[in-house]
Every structure is written in C-alpha cells, then in structure tokens.
Amino acid sequence: MSDRYEVVLSCFLRDDTPASVMTALRRHLGMDAACPEDLDDDGQLYPLLAPDDSNDSRLPGGDVASLRRTVQEFTSSGERCEWELFARNDRVDDSMLYLRGLLDLIAPHVARPGHGGRVRDNDGTAVTVFTFRDGTYEPIGIPWGIDRP
C-alpha cells in the first residue's frame, strides 16, 4: 500500500510570469492538457495539483486548486496585479517525485518571499514547510529522497 501525502501550495506569482510557465502550471492544476513546447517535459508530465474529481481524496473537504489574477494595489501608474496560486491535494508517494520539478518551475517567479506551502504524511502529524526566497525554495532536501543537484 502506498503512503499518501497532503500537499499544500500557497503563493503569489508575478504578473510577468512567462506564458510557458503559466501553461505548465495550468497543466499541473488540471486546467490545460498541453505542455508548453519550450519547457522540458520531464517533471511536467504529472498534473500534481489537479483535484481528484473521483472524490477519492482522503482529505476533509477534498482536493482544491485555484489560480487567478488579482489586483494587489493601485499605483500612480495603474494597477499592480499578481497571480494567486492555491492548491491542496491528496497524493500518493509516487507522485511526490514530481514536487521538486514543480517547485523549480515556479520558484523564480514567486512575487513575495516567504511561506510557500507544506507537505504532510496523511497518517502523521509532522509537517515539512517550504519557503520561497531569491528564486529558489527551502528546505532544499524535501522528504522522499528528492534532493536537488
């Protein structure tokens, strides 16, 4: 039997995030089936953040995914917008291998440093929190042996 994990991703992305990154993110969220041609398809194949429509989620309230562009403030030159990204999903351990690729994809485009989300074994209470800062994320060594090169 596979271990299952709760994956929560919560961050703001810059409004100028490249279209190819947004397309890949929409694929991860289950909003788009295509993977952009200019991105390496490795690590982008599995839609890690797509809600499970079969109602098989083992999380109270089920899986949730949201991506929306919102006005963050009004400036003298106009509106300043960002992309709000939120997802909470129940995932099997095999799919966790794709988490690093997803974090690598979005980290350079995060608008605000700080809390980015968390991962928790569904049967446990220990939480691994990750943060975004300077175009990358910490902790560098996320569980399940997914160490960055």
N, C-alpha and C. Protein backbone atom coordinates (compact mmCIF):
# COMPACT_ATOMS: atom_id res chain seq x y z
N MET A 1 0.85 -1.18 0.00
CA MET A 1 0.00 0.00 0.00
C MET A 1 0.89 1.24 0.00
N SER A 2 0.50 2.22 -0.77
CA SER A 2 1.28 3.44 -0.89
C SER A 2 0.99 4.40 0.25
N ASP A 3 2.02 5.18 0.59
CA ASP A 3 1.81 6.27 1.53
C ASP A 3 1.11 7.40 0.79
N ARG A 4 0.35 8.18 1.53
CA ARG A 4 -0.38 9.30 0.94
C ARG A 4 0.01 10.57 1.66
N TYR A 5 0.06 11.67 0.90
CA TYR A 5 0.51 12.95 1.43
C TYR A 5 -0.47 14.06 1.09
N GLU A 6 -0.59 14.99 2.02
CA GLU A 6 -1.30 16.23 1.77
C GLU A 6 -0.26 17.23 1.27
N VAL A 7 -0.50 17.79 0.09
CA VAL A 7 0.39 18.80 -0.48
C VAL A 7 -0.39 20.10 -0.56
N VAL A 8 0.14 21.14 0.07
CA VAL A 8 -0.49 22.47 0.03
C VAL A 8 0.52 23.44 -0.58
N LEU A 9 0.08 24.16 -1.59
CA LEU A 9 0.90 25.18 -2.25
C LEU A 9 0.12 26.48 -2.19
N SER A 10 0.74 27.51 -1.64
CA SER A 10 0.05 28.79 -1.47
C SER A 10 1.05 29.92 -1.67
N CYS A 11 0.94 30.62 -2.79
CA CYS A 11 1.88 31.71 -3.06
C CYS A 11 1.31 32.66 -4.10
N PHE A 12 1.98 33.77 -4.28
CA PHE A 12 1.67 34.74 -5.31
C PHE A 12 2.77 34.69 -6.35
N LEU A 13 2.39 34.68 -7.63
CA LEU A 13 3.35 34.73 -8.72
C LEU A 13 3.28 36.10 -9.37
N ARG A 14 4.44 36.55 -9.86
CA ARG A 14 4.50 37.85 -10.52
C ARG A 14 3.59 37.87 -11.75
N ASP A 15 3.07 39.02 -12.05
CA ASP A 15 2.18 39.18 -13.19
C ASP A 15 2.91 38.91 -14.51
N ASP A 16 4.23 39.11 -14.53
CA ASP A 16 5.01 38.89 -15.76
C ASP A 16 5.56 37.46 -15.85
N THR A 17 5.00 36.53 -15.11
CA THR A 17 5.42 35.13 -15.22
C THR A 17 5.24 34.69 -16.66
N PRO A 18 6.28 34.09 -17.27
CA PRO A 18 6.21 33.72 -18.69
C PRO A 18 5.00 32.84 -19.01
N ALA A 19 4.47 33.03 -20.19
CA ALA A 19 3.30 32.28 -20.63
C ALA A 19 3.54 30.77 -20.59
N SER A 20 4.75 30.34 -20.92
CA SER A 20 5.04 28.90 -20.91
C SER A 20 4.97 28.33 -19.49
N VAL A 21 5.41 29.11 -18.50
CA VAL A 21 5.32 28.66 -17.11
C VAL A 21 3.86 28.60 -16.67
N MET A 22 3.08 29.61 -17.07
CA MET A 22 1.66 29.62 -16.72
C MET A 22 0.93 28.44 -17.37
N THR A 23 1.30 28.11 -18.61
CA THR A 23 0.68 26.96 -19.29
C THR A 23 1.02 25.67 -18.57
N ALA A 24 2.29 25.51 -18.17
CA ALA A 24 2.68 24.32 -17.42
C ALA A 24 1.95 24.26 -16.08
N LEU A 25 1.81 25.39 -15.43
CA LEU A 25 1.11 25.44 -14.15
C LEU A 25 -0.37 25.07 -14.34
N ARG A 26 -0.98 25.59 -15.38
CA ARG A 26 -2.38 25.22 -15.66
C ARG A 26 -2.50 23.72 -15.91
N ARG A 27 -1.48 23.14 -16.54
CA ARG A 27 -1.49 21.69 -16.75
C ARG A 27 -1.44 20.97 -15.41
N HIS A 28 -0.56 21.44 -14.51
CA HIS A 28 -0.48 20.84 -13.18
C HIS A 28 -1.78 20.96 -12.41
N LEU A 29 -2.51 22.05 -12.63
CA LEU A 29 -3.77 22.29 -11.94
C LEU A 29 -4.95 21.57 -12.59
N GLY A 30 -4.69 20.91 -13.73
CA GLY A 30 -5.76 20.20 -14.43
C GLY A 30 -6.62 21.12 -15.28
N MET A 31 -6.16 22.34 -15.55
CA MET A 31 -6.92 23.31 -16.33
C MET A 31 -6.57 23.26 -17.81
N ASP A 32 -5.46 22.62 -18.16
CA ASP A 32 -4.98 22.60 -19.53
C ASP A 32 -4.25 21.28 -19.75
N ALA A 33 -4.46 20.65 -20.88
CA ALA A 33 -3.83 19.36 -21.15
C ALA A 33 -2.46 19.46 -21.81
N ALA A 34 -2.17 20.61 -22.42
CA ALA A 34 -0.93 20.76 -23.18
C ALA A 34 0.24 21.16 -22.30
N CYS A 35 1.42 20.64 -22.64
CA CYS A 35 2.66 21.07 -22.01
C CYS A 35 3.36 22.00 -23.01
N PRO A 36 3.83 23.16 -22.56
CA PRO A 36 4.46 24.11 -23.49
C PRO A 36 5.66 23.49 -24.19
N GLU A 37 5.81 23.83 -25.46
CA GLU A 37 6.90 23.28 -26.26
C GLU A 37 8.28 23.72 -25.76
N ASP A 38 8.38 24.91 -25.17
CA ASP A 38 9.69 25.42 -24.77
C ASP A 38 10.11 25.00 -23.36
N LEU A 39 9.32 24.15 -22.71
CA LEU A 39 9.71 23.62 -21.40
C LEU A 39 10.04 22.15 -21.53
N ASP A 40 11.02 21.72 -20.78
CA ASP A 40 11.37 20.31 -20.73
C ASP A 40 10.20 19.56 -20.13
N ASP A 41 9.72 18.53 -20.81
CA ASP A 41 8.55 17.78 -20.36
C ASP A 41 8.86 16.91 -19.14
N ASP A 42 10.15 16.68 -18.83
CA ASP A 42 10.50 15.93 -17.63
C ASP A 42 9.97 16.65 -16.41
N GLY A 43 9.28 15.95 -15.57
CA GLY A 43 8.76 16.55 -14.36
C GLY A 43 7.50 17.37 -14.57
N GLN A 44 7.08 17.54 -15.80
CA GLN A 44 5.85 18.29 -16.07
C GLN A 44 4.73 17.36 -16.54
N LEU A 45 5.00 16.08 -16.63
CA LEU A 45 4.01 15.15 -17.16
C LEU A 45 2.85 14.92 -16.21
N TYR A 46 3.11 14.85 -14.94
CA TYR A 46 2.08 14.51 -13.97
C TYR A 46 1.39 15.76 -13.45
N PRO A 47 0.07 15.87 -13.59
CA PRO A 47 -0.64 17.06 -13.08
C PRO A 47 -0.76 17.00 -11.56
N LEU A 48 0.28 17.41 -10.89
CA LEU A 48 0.42 17.25 -9.44
C LEU A 48 -0.65 17.98 -8.63
N LEU A 49 -1.16 19.08 -9.13
CA LEU A 49 -2.09 19.89 -8.34
C LEU A 49 -3.54 19.75 -8.78
N ALA A 50 -3.81 18.89 -9.75
CA ALA A 50 -5.18 18.73 -10.23
C ALA A 50 -6.04 18.05 -9.18
N PRO A 51 -7.19 18.63 -8.89
CA PRO A 51 -8.10 17.99 -7.93
C PRO A 51 -8.57 16.64 -8.45
N ASP A 52 -8.77 15.72 -7.54
CA ASP A 52 -9.26 14.38 -7.89
C ASP A 52 -10.78 14.46 -8.00
N ASP A 53 -11.26 14.42 -9.24
CA ASP A 53 -12.70 14.53 -9.48
C ASP A 53 -13.48 13.28 -9.10
N SER A 54 -12.77 12.19 -8.81
CA SER A 54 -13.47 10.94 -8.47
C SER A 54 -13.90 10.89 -7.01
N ASN A 55 -13.63 11.95 -6.26
CA ASN A 55 -13.97 12.01 -4.83
C ASN A 55 -13.22 10.97 -4.02
N ASP A 56 -12.03 10.57 -4.50
CA ASP A 56 -11.20 9.62 -3.78
C ASP A 56 -10.23 10.30 -2.81
N SER A 57 -10.28 11.62 -2.72
CA SER A 57 -9.39 12.34 -1.81
C SER A 57 -9.65 11.87 -0.39
N ARG A 58 -8.58 11.70 0.34
CA ARG A 58 -8.71 11.29 1.74
C ARG A 58 -8.57 12.48 2.68
N LEU A 59 -8.68 13.68 2.12
CA LEU A 59 -8.59 14.90 2.92
C LEU A 59 -9.99 15.43 3.21
N PRO A 60 -10.21 15.91 4.43
CA PRO A 60 -11.50 16.53 4.71
C PRO A 60 -11.72 17.71 3.76
N GLY A 61 -12.86 17.75 3.12
CA GLY A 61 -13.15 18.82 2.18
C GLY A 61 -12.68 18.54 0.77
N GLY A 62 -11.89 17.49 0.58
CA GLY A 62 -11.43 17.12 -0.75
C GLY A 62 -10.30 17.98 -1.27
N ASP A 63 -9.93 17.74 -2.51
CA ASP A 63 -8.86 18.48 -3.17
C ASP A 63 -9.39 19.82 -3.67
N VAL A 64 -8.50 20.81 -3.69
CA VAL A 64 -8.85 22.16 -4.12
C VAL A 64 -7.70 22.72 -4.96
N ALA A 65 -8.02 23.44 -6.02
CA ALA A 65 -6.99 24.11 -6.81
C ALA A 65 -7.56 25.41 -7.35
N SER A 66 -6.75 26.47 -7.27
CA SER A 66 -7.19 27.78 -7.73
C SER A 66 -6.01 28.57 -8.27
N LEU A 67 -6.22 29.21 -9.41
CA LEU A 67 -5.24 30.13 -9.98
C LEU A 67 -6.03 31.30 -10.54
N ARG A 68 -5.77 32.47 -10.01
CA ARG A 68 -6.49 33.63 -10.50
C ARG A 68 -5.61 34.87 -10.43
N ARG A 69 -5.83 35.76 -11.38
CA ARG A 69 -5.09 37.02 -11.44
C ARG A 69 -5.91 38.07 -10.71
N THR A 70 -5.27 38.74 -9.75
CA THR A 70 -5.98 39.73 -8.95
C THR A 70 -5.17 41.02 -8.83
N VAL A 71 -5.88 42.10 -8.63
CA VAL A 71 -5.25 43.39 -8.37
C VAL A 71 -4.77 43.40 -6.93
N GLN A 72 -3.49 43.69 -6.73
CA GLN A 72 -2.92 43.73 -5.40
C GLN A 72 -2.86 45.14 -4.83
N GLU A 73 -2.70 46.12 -5.73
CA GLU A 73 -2.70 47.51 -5.29
C GLU A 73 -2.88 48.42 -6.49
N PHE A 74 -3.27 49.64 -6.20
CA PHE A 74 -3.38 50.67 -7.22
C PHE A 74 -2.22 51.63 -7.03
N THR A 75 -1.51 51.90 -8.11
CA THR A 75 -0.36 52.80 -8.05
C THR A 75 -0.62 53.98 -8.97
N SER A 76 0.28 54.94 -8.94
CA SER A 76 0.13 56.12 -9.81
C SER A 76 0.21 55.73 -11.29
N SER A 77 0.84 54.59 -11.59
CA SER A 77 0.94 54.14 -12.98
C SER A 77 -0.14 53.11 -13.34
N GLY A 78 -1.03 52.80 -12.40
CA GLY A 78 -2.11 51.86 -12.69
C GLY A 78 -2.17 50.73 -11.67
N GLU A 79 -2.82 49.66 -12.06
CA GLU A 79 -2.99 48.51 -11.17
C GLU A 79 -1.73 47.64 -11.17
N ARG A 80 -1.43 47.07 -10.01
CA ARG A 80 -0.37 46.07 -9.91
C ARG A 80 -1.04 44.75 -9.60
N CYS A 81 -0.88 43.80 -10.52
CA CYS A 81 -1.55 42.50 -10.40
C CYS A 81 -0.54 41.40 -10.08
N GLU A 82 -1.04 40.33 -9.51
CA GLU A 82 -0.28 39.11 -9.27
C GLU A 82 -1.22 37.93 -9.47
N TRP A 83 -0.61 36.77 -9.65
CA TRP A 83 -1.37 35.53 -9.78
C TRP A 83 -1.42 34.86 -8.41
N GLU A 84 -2.61 34.60 -7.92
CA GLU A 84 -2.79 33.87 -6.66
C GLU A 84 -2.85 32.38 -7.01
N LEU A 85 -2.00 31.61 -6.37
CA LEU A 85 -1.97 30.17 -6.58
C LEU A 85 -2.24 29.48 -5.25
N PHE A 86 -3.25 28.63 -5.24
CA PHE A 86 -3.53 27.83 -4.06
C PHE A 86 -3.96 26.45 -4.50
N ALA A 87 -3.39 25.44 -3.88
CA ALA A 87 -3.80 24.06 -4.15
C ALA A 87 -3.61 23.25 -2.88
N ARG A 88 -4.52 22.35 -2.64
CA ARG A 88 -4.44 21.40 -1.53
C ARG A 88 -4.89 20.07 -2.09
N ASN A 89 -3.97 19.10 -2.09
CA ASN A 89 -4.24 17.83 -2.75
C ASN A 89 -3.77 16.66 -1.91
N ASP A 90 -4.44 15.54 -2.12
CA ASP A 90 -4.07 14.25 -1.56
C ASP A 90 -3.32 13.50 -2.65
N ARG A 91 -2.07 13.13 -2.39
CA ARG A 91 -1.25 12.48 -3.41
C ARG A 91 -0.57 11.23 -2.87
N VAL A 92 -0.40 10.23 -3.75
CA VAL A 92 0.34 9.03 -3.39
C VAL A 92 1.82 9.32 -3.47
N ASP A 93 2.61 8.52 -2.76
CA ASP A 93 4.05 8.78 -2.67
C ASP A 93 4.75 8.81 -4.02
N ASP A 94 4.33 8.00 -4.98
CA ASP A 94 4.98 8.00 -6.30
C ASP A 94 4.89 9.36 -6.97
N SER A 95 3.78 10.05 -6.81
CA SER A 95 3.61 11.35 -7.46
C SER A 95 4.46 12.43 -6.80
N MET A 96 4.93 12.19 -5.60
CA MET A 96 5.74 13.18 -4.90
C MET A 96 7.08 13.42 -5.59
N LEU A 97 7.48 12.50 -6.45
CA LEU A 97 8.72 12.68 -7.19
C LEU A 97 8.67 13.90 -8.10
N TYR A 98 7.47 14.35 -8.44
CA TYR A 98 7.30 15.49 -9.32
C TYR A 98 7.26 16.82 -8.58
N LEU A 99 7.22 16.80 -7.27
CA LEU A 99 7.12 18.03 -6.50
C LEU A 99 8.32 18.95 -6.74
N ARG A 100 9.51 18.39 -6.74
CA ARG A 100 10.71 19.20 -6.95
C ARG A 100 10.65 19.94 -8.29
N GLY A 101 10.25 19.26 -9.35
CA GLY A 101 10.15 19.90 -10.67
C GLY A 101 9.16 21.04 -10.68
N LEU A 102 8.04 20.86 -9.98
CA LEU A 102 7.04 21.92 -9.90
C LEU A 102 7.58 23.12 -9.14
N LEU A 103 8.23 22.88 -8.00
CA LEU A 103 8.79 23.99 -7.21
C LEU A 103 9.90 24.70 -7.99
N ASP A 104 10.73 23.94 -8.69
CA ASP A 104 11.77 24.54 -9.54
C ASP A 104 11.16 25.42 -10.63
N LEU A 105 10.01 25.00 -11.16
CA LEU A 105 9.34 25.75 -12.22
C LEU A 105 8.83 27.10 -11.73
N ILE A 106 8.20 27.12 -10.56
CA ILE A 106 7.55 28.37 -10.13
C ILE A 106 8.42 29.26 -9.25
N ALA A 107 9.41 28.71 -8.57
CA ALA A 107 10.21 29.49 -7.61
C ALA A 107 10.79 30.79 -8.19
N PRO A 108 11.33 30.80 -9.40
CA PRO A 108 11.89 32.05 -9.93
C PRO A 108 10.84 33.14 -10.17
N HIS A 109 9.57 32.79 -10.13
CA HIS A 109 8.51 33.74 -10.48
C HIS A 109 7.64 34.13 -9.28
N VAL A 110 8.02 33.67 -8.10
CA VAL A 110 7.25 34.00 -6.90
C VAL A 110 7.40 35.49 -6.59
N ALA A 111 6.28 36.14 -6.35
CA ALA A 111 6.26 37.59 -6.16
C ALA A 111 6.68 38.01 -4.75
N ARG A 112 6.42 37.18 -3.78
CA ARG A 112 6.68 37.55 -2.39
C ARG A 112 7.44 36.43 -1.68
N PRO A 113 8.61 36.74 -1.16
CA PRO A 113 9.34 35.69 -0.43
C PRO A 113 8.58 35.30 0.83
N GLY A 114 8.80 34.06 1.24
CA GLY A 114 8.18 33.59 2.48
C GLY A 114 7.50 32.25 2.29
N HIS A 115 6.51 32.01 3.12
CA HIS A 115 5.79 30.73 3.13
C HIS A 115 5.29 30.37 1.74
N GLY A 116 5.51 29.11 1.35
CA GLY A 116 5.07 28.65 0.04
C GLY A 116 4.12 27.47 0.11
N GLY A 117 4.13 26.79 1.26
CA GLY A 117 3.25 25.64 1.39
C GLY A 117 3.83 24.62 2.34
N ARG A 118 3.24 23.42 2.26
CA ARG A 118 3.68 22.36 3.17
C ARG A 118 3.30 21.00 2.60
N VAL A 119 3.97 19.99 3.16
CA VAL A 119 3.69 18.60 2.83
C VAL A 119 3.58 17.84 4.14
N ARG A 120 2.59 16.94 4.21
CA ARG A 120 2.39 16.15 5.43
C ARG A 120 1.94 14.76 5.04
N ASP A 121 2.53 13.75 5.70
CA ASP A 121 2.06 12.38 5.55
C ASP A 121 0.65 12.34 6.13
N ASN A 122 -0.31 11.83 5.38
CA ASN A 122 -1.69 11.81 5.84
C ASN A 122 -1.87 11.09 7.17
N ASP A 123 -1.00 10.13 7.46
CA ASP A 123 -1.12 9.38 8.70
C ASP A 123 -0.28 9.96 9.83
N GLY A 124 0.39 11.06 9.59
CA GLY A 124 1.28 11.63 10.60
C GLY A 124 0.90 13.05 10.95
N THR A 125 1.69 13.61 11.84
CA THR A 125 1.46 14.99 12.25
C THR A 125 2.64 15.90 11.88
N ALA A 126 3.78 15.31 11.51
CA ALA A 126 4.94 16.10 11.14
C ALA A 126 4.69 16.79 9.80
N VAL A 127 5.02 18.06 9.74
CA VAL A 127 4.79 18.87 8.54
C VAL A 127 6.14 19.39 8.04
N THR A 128 6.37 19.29 6.74
CA THR A 128 7.52 19.91 6.12
C THR A 128 7.03 21.17 5.42
N VAL A 129 7.44 22.32 5.94
CA VAL A 129 7.06 23.60 5.37
C VAL A 129 8.15 24.03 4.40
N PHE A 130 7.75 24.56 3.25
CA PHE A 130 8.77 25.10 2.35
C PHE A 130 8.50 26.58 2.14
N THR A 131 9.59 27.31 1.92
CA THR A 131 9.52 28.75 1.72
C THR A 131 10.20 29.11 0.40
N PHE A 132 9.75 30.19 -0.18
CA PHE A 132 10.35 30.71 -1.40
C PHE A 132 11.18 31.93 -1.06
N ARG A 133 12.37 32.00 -1.65
CA ARG A 133 13.25 33.15 -1.43
C ARG A 133 14.34 33.16 -2.51
N ASP A 134 14.58 34.32 -3.09
CA ASP A 134 15.66 34.52 -4.06
C ASP A 134 15.60 33.54 -5.24
N GLY A 135 14.42 33.28 -5.75
CA GLY A 135 14.26 32.44 -6.93
C GLY A 135 14.39 30.96 -6.68
N THR A 136 14.43 30.55 -5.42
CA THR A 136 14.50 29.12 -5.10
C THR A 136 13.60 28.85 -3.91
N TYR A 137 13.74 27.67 -3.32
CA TYR A 137 12.90 27.30 -2.19
C TYR A 137 13.73 26.53 -1.17
N GLU A 138 13.25 26.53 0.03
CA GLU A 138 13.88 25.77 1.12
C GLU A 138 12.78 25.00 1.84
N PRO A 139 12.98 23.85 2.43
CA PRO A 139 14.28 23.20 2.50
C PRO A 139 14.67 22.62 1.16
N ILE A 140 15.95 22.65 0.88
CA ILE A 140 16.47 22.13 -0.38
C ILE A 140 16.20 20.62 -0.46
N GLY A 141 16.47 19.89 0.60
CA GLY A 141 16.22 18.45 0.63
C GLY A 141 14.82 18.18 1.13
N ILE A 142 13.86 18.06 0.22
CA ILE A 142 12.49 17.74 0.60
C ILE A 142 12.44 16.24 0.86
N PRO A 143 11.56 15.76 1.71
CA PRO A 143 11.48 14.33 2.00
C PRO A 143 11.37 13.45 0.76
N TRP A 144 11.43 12.18 0.96
CA TRP A 144 11.33 11.15 -0.06
C TRP A 144 12.53 11.10 -0.97
N GLY A 145 13.68 11.56 -0.46
CA GLY A 145 14.92 11.45 -1.22
C GLY A 145 14.97 12.32 -2.46
N ILE A 146 14.22 13.41 -2.46
CA ILE A 146 14.18 14.29 -3.62
C ILE A 146 15.16 15.43 -3.39
N ASP A 147 16.42 15.14 -3.41
CA ASP A 147 17.42 16.18 -3.19
C ASP A 147 17.76 16.86 -4.51
N ARG A 148 17.92 18.16 -4.44
CA ARG A 148 18.28 18.91 -5.64
C ARG A 148 19.74 18.69 -5.96
N PRO A 149 20.10 18.74 -7.24
CA PRO A 149 21.51 18.55 -7.62
C PRO A 149 22.37 19.71 -7.17
